[in-house]
Amino acid sequence: MAEDRPGGSELFLEINGSRVEASDRELADWILSFSAGATREQVAALVRARAQRIR
């Protein structure tokens, strides 16, 4: 995929007027948190805290 084009979840966020400002490390930690027992709601809260409106 081209670097300047968003992937699946990024595209979903952009279509809906948002983006997430997070480092690659933070993104990886969010994904790995599922295997450590985090719930969807807990990870969603992390993502929402870093989401920004772009419209």
N, C-alpha and C. Protein backbone atom coordinates (compact mmCIF):
# COMPACT_ATOMS: atom_id res chain seq x y z
N MET A 1 0.85 -1.17 0.00
CA MET A 1 0.00 0.00 0.00
C MET A 1 0.89 1.23 0.00
N ALA A 2 0.48 2.24 -0.72
CA ALA A 2 1.25 3.48 -0.78
C ALA A 2 1.28 4.15 0.59
N GLU A 3 2.41 4.73 0.92
CA GLU A 3 2.58 5.36 2.24
C GLU A 3 1.62 6.52 2.46
N ASP A 4 1.25 7.22 1.39
CA ASP A 4 0.37 8.38 1.54
C ASP A 4 -1.12 8.03 1.52
N ARG A 5 -1.44 6.75 1.38
CA ARG A 5 -2.83 6.33 1.38
C ARG A 5 -3.13 5.57 2.66
N PRO A 6 -4.28 5.86 3.29
CA PRO A 6 -4.60 5.19 4.55
C PRO A 6 -4.95 3.73 4.37
N GLY A 7 -4.67 2.93 5.43
CA GLY A 7 -5.07 1.52 5.46
C GLY A 7 -6.52 1.41 5.90
N GLY A 8 -6.98 0.20 6.17
CA GLY A 8 -8.37 -0.06 6.51
C GLY A 8 -8.94 0.76 7.64
N SER A 9 -8.35 0.64 8.83
CA SER A 9 -8.88 1.38 9.97
C SER A 9 -8.64 2.88 9.82
N GLU A 10 -7.51 3.26 9.23
CA GLU A 10 -7.26 4.69 9.01
C GLU A 10 -8.27 5.26 8.03
N LEU A 11 -8.60 4.51 6.99
CA LEU A 11 -9.58 4.96 6.01
C LEU A 11 -10.94 5.12 6.67
N PHE A 12 -11.34 4.16 7.50
CA PHE A 12 -12.61 4.25 8.21
C PHE A 12 -12.66 5.53 9.04
N LEU A 13 -11.60 5.80 9.78
CA LEU A 13 -11.56 7.00 10.61
C LEU A 13 -11.64 8.27 9.76
N GLU A 14 -10.88 8.31 8.66
CA GLU A 14 -10.89 9.50 7.82
C GLU A 14 -12.25 9.73 7.18
N ILE A 15 -12.88 8.69 6.70
CA ILE A 15 -14.21 8.82 6.10
C ILE A 15 -15.18 9.41 7.12
N ASN A 16 -14.98 9.06 8.38
CA ASN A 16 -15.86 9.54 9.44
C ASN A 16 -15.33 10.79 10.13
N GLY A 17 -14.35 11.44 9.52
CA GLY A 17 -13.88 12.74 9.98
C GLY A 17 -12.94 12.73 11.16
N SER A 18 -12.20 11.66 11.36
CA SER A 18 -11.27 11.58 12.49
C SER A 18 -9.93 11.00 12.05
N ARG A 19 -8.97 11.17 12.91
CA ARG A 19 -7.68 10.49 12.77
C ARG A 19 -7.13 10.27 14.17
N VAL A 20 -6.22 9.33 14.28
CA VAL A 20 -5.60 9.03 15.57
C VAL A 20 -4.14 9.43 15.49
N GLU A 21 -3.73 10.26 16.42
CA GLU A 21 -2.33 10.67 16.52
C GLU A 21 -1.67 9.80 17.57
N ALA A 22 -0.89 8.83 17.12
CA ALA A 22 -0.20 7.92 18.02
C ALA A 22 1.05 7.39 17.33
N SER A 23 2.05 7.11 18.13
CA SER A 23 3.29 6.55 17.58
C SER A 23 3.06 5.09 17.20
N ASP A 24 3.97 4.56 16.39
CA ASP A 24 3.89 3.14 16.04
C ASP A 24 3.95 2.28 17.30
N ARG A 25 4.75 2.69 18.26
CA ARG A 25 4.87 1.95 19.52
C ARG A 25 3.53 1.92 20.25
N GLU A 26 2.86 3.07 20.33
CA GLU A 26 1.55 3.12 20.99
C GLU A 26 0.54 2.22 20.28
N LEU A 27 0.53 2.29 18.95
CA LEU A 27 -0.39 1.44 18.18
C LEU A 27 -0.14 -0.03 18.47
N ALA A 28 1.14 -0.41 18.47
CA ALA A 28 1.49 -1.80 18.76
C ALA A 28 1.08 -2.19 20.18
N ASP A 29 1.29 -1.29 21.13
CA ASP A 29 0.89 -1.57 22.52
C ASP A 29 -0.61 -1.78 22.63
N TRP A 30 -1.39 -0.99 21.88
CA TRP A 30 -2.85 -1.16 21.91
C TRP A 30 -3.24 -2.53 21.39
N ILE A 31 -2.62 -2.96 20.32
CA ILE A 31 -2.93 -4.27 19.75
C ILE A 31 -2.51 -5.38 20.72
N LEU A 32 -1.32 -5.26 21.27
CA LEU A 32 -0.82 -6.27 22.20
C LEU A 32 -1.60 -6.31 23.50
N SER A 33 -2.24 -5.20 23.84
CA SER A 33 -3.01 -5.18 25.08
C SER A 33 -4.16 -6.18 25.05
N PHE A 34 -4.67 -6.50 23.86
CA PHE A 34 -5.71 -7.52 23.77
C PHE A 34 -5.22 -8.87 24.30
N SER A 35 -4.00 -9.23 23.93
CA SER A 35 -3.47 -10.52 24.40
C SER A 35 -3.15 -10.48 25.88
N ALA A 36 -3.03 -9.29 26.44
CA ALA A 36 -2.78 -9.15 27.87
C ALA A 36 -4.08 -9.07 28.67
N GLY A 37 -5.21 -9.19 27.96
CA GLY A 37 -6.50 -9.24 28.64
C GLY A 37 -7.35 -7.99 28.57
N ALA A 38 -6.91 -6.98 27.83
CA ALA A 38 -7.72 -5.76 27.71
C ALA A 38 -9.00 -6.06 26.94
N THR A 39 -10.06 -5.38 27.31
CA THR A 39 -11.34 -5.53 26.60
C THR A 39 -11.39 -4.57 25.42
N ARG A 40 -12.35 -4.79 24.54
CA ARG A 40 -12.55 -3.86 23.42
C ARG A 40 -12.81 -2.45 23.94
N GLU A 41 -13.60 -2.38 24.99
CA GLU A 41 -13.94 -1.08 25.55
C GLU A 41 -12.71 -0.35 26.08
N GLN A 42 -11.81 -1.09 26.71
CA GLN A 42 -10.59 -0.48 27.24
C GLN A 42 -9.70 0.05 26.11
N VAL A 43 -9.55 -0.74 25.07
CA VAL A 43 -8.73 -0.31 23.94
C VAL A 43 -9.42 0.84 23.20
N ALA A 44 -10.73 0.76 23.06
CA ALA A 44 -11.47 1.85 22.41
C ALA A 44 -11.28 3.16 23.17
N ALA A 45 -11.24 3.10 24.48
CA ALA A 45 -11.02 4.31 25.28
C ALA A 45 -9.64 4.90 24.99
N LEU A 46 -8.63 4.06 24.82
CA LEU A 46 -7.29 4.54 24.48
C LEU A 46 -7.30 5.23 23.13
N VAL A 47 -7.96 4.61 22.16
CA VAL A 47 -8.03 5.18 20.81
C VAL A 47 -8.81 6.49 20.83
N ARG A 48 -9.95 6.51 21.49
CA ARG A 48 -10.76 7.73 21.55
C ARG A 48 -10.00 8.90 22.18
N ALA A 49 -9.16 8.59 23.17
CA ALA A 49 -8.39 9.64 23.82
C ALA A 49 -7.40 10.30 22.87
N ARG A 50 -6.99 9.59 21.83
CA ARG A 50 -6.02 10.11 20.87
C ARG A 50 -6.65 10.52 19.55
N ALA A 51 -7.96 10.35 19.41
CA ALA A 51 -8.66 10.69 18.17
C ALA A 51 -8.84 12.21 18.07
N GLN A 52 -8.73 12.70 16.85
CA GLN A 52 -8.92 14.12 16.59
C GLN A 52 -9.86 14.28 15.41
N ARG A 53 -10.74 15.27 15.49
CA ARG A 53 -11.62 15.59 14.35
C ARG A 53 -10.80 16.26 13.28
N ILE A 54 -11.05 15.91 12.01
CA ILE A 54 -10.32 16.54 10.91
C ILE A 54 -11.24 17.34 10.00
N ARG A 55 -12.50 17.37 10.31
CA ARG A 55 -13.44 18.17 9.50
C ARG A 55 -13.96 19.31 10.29
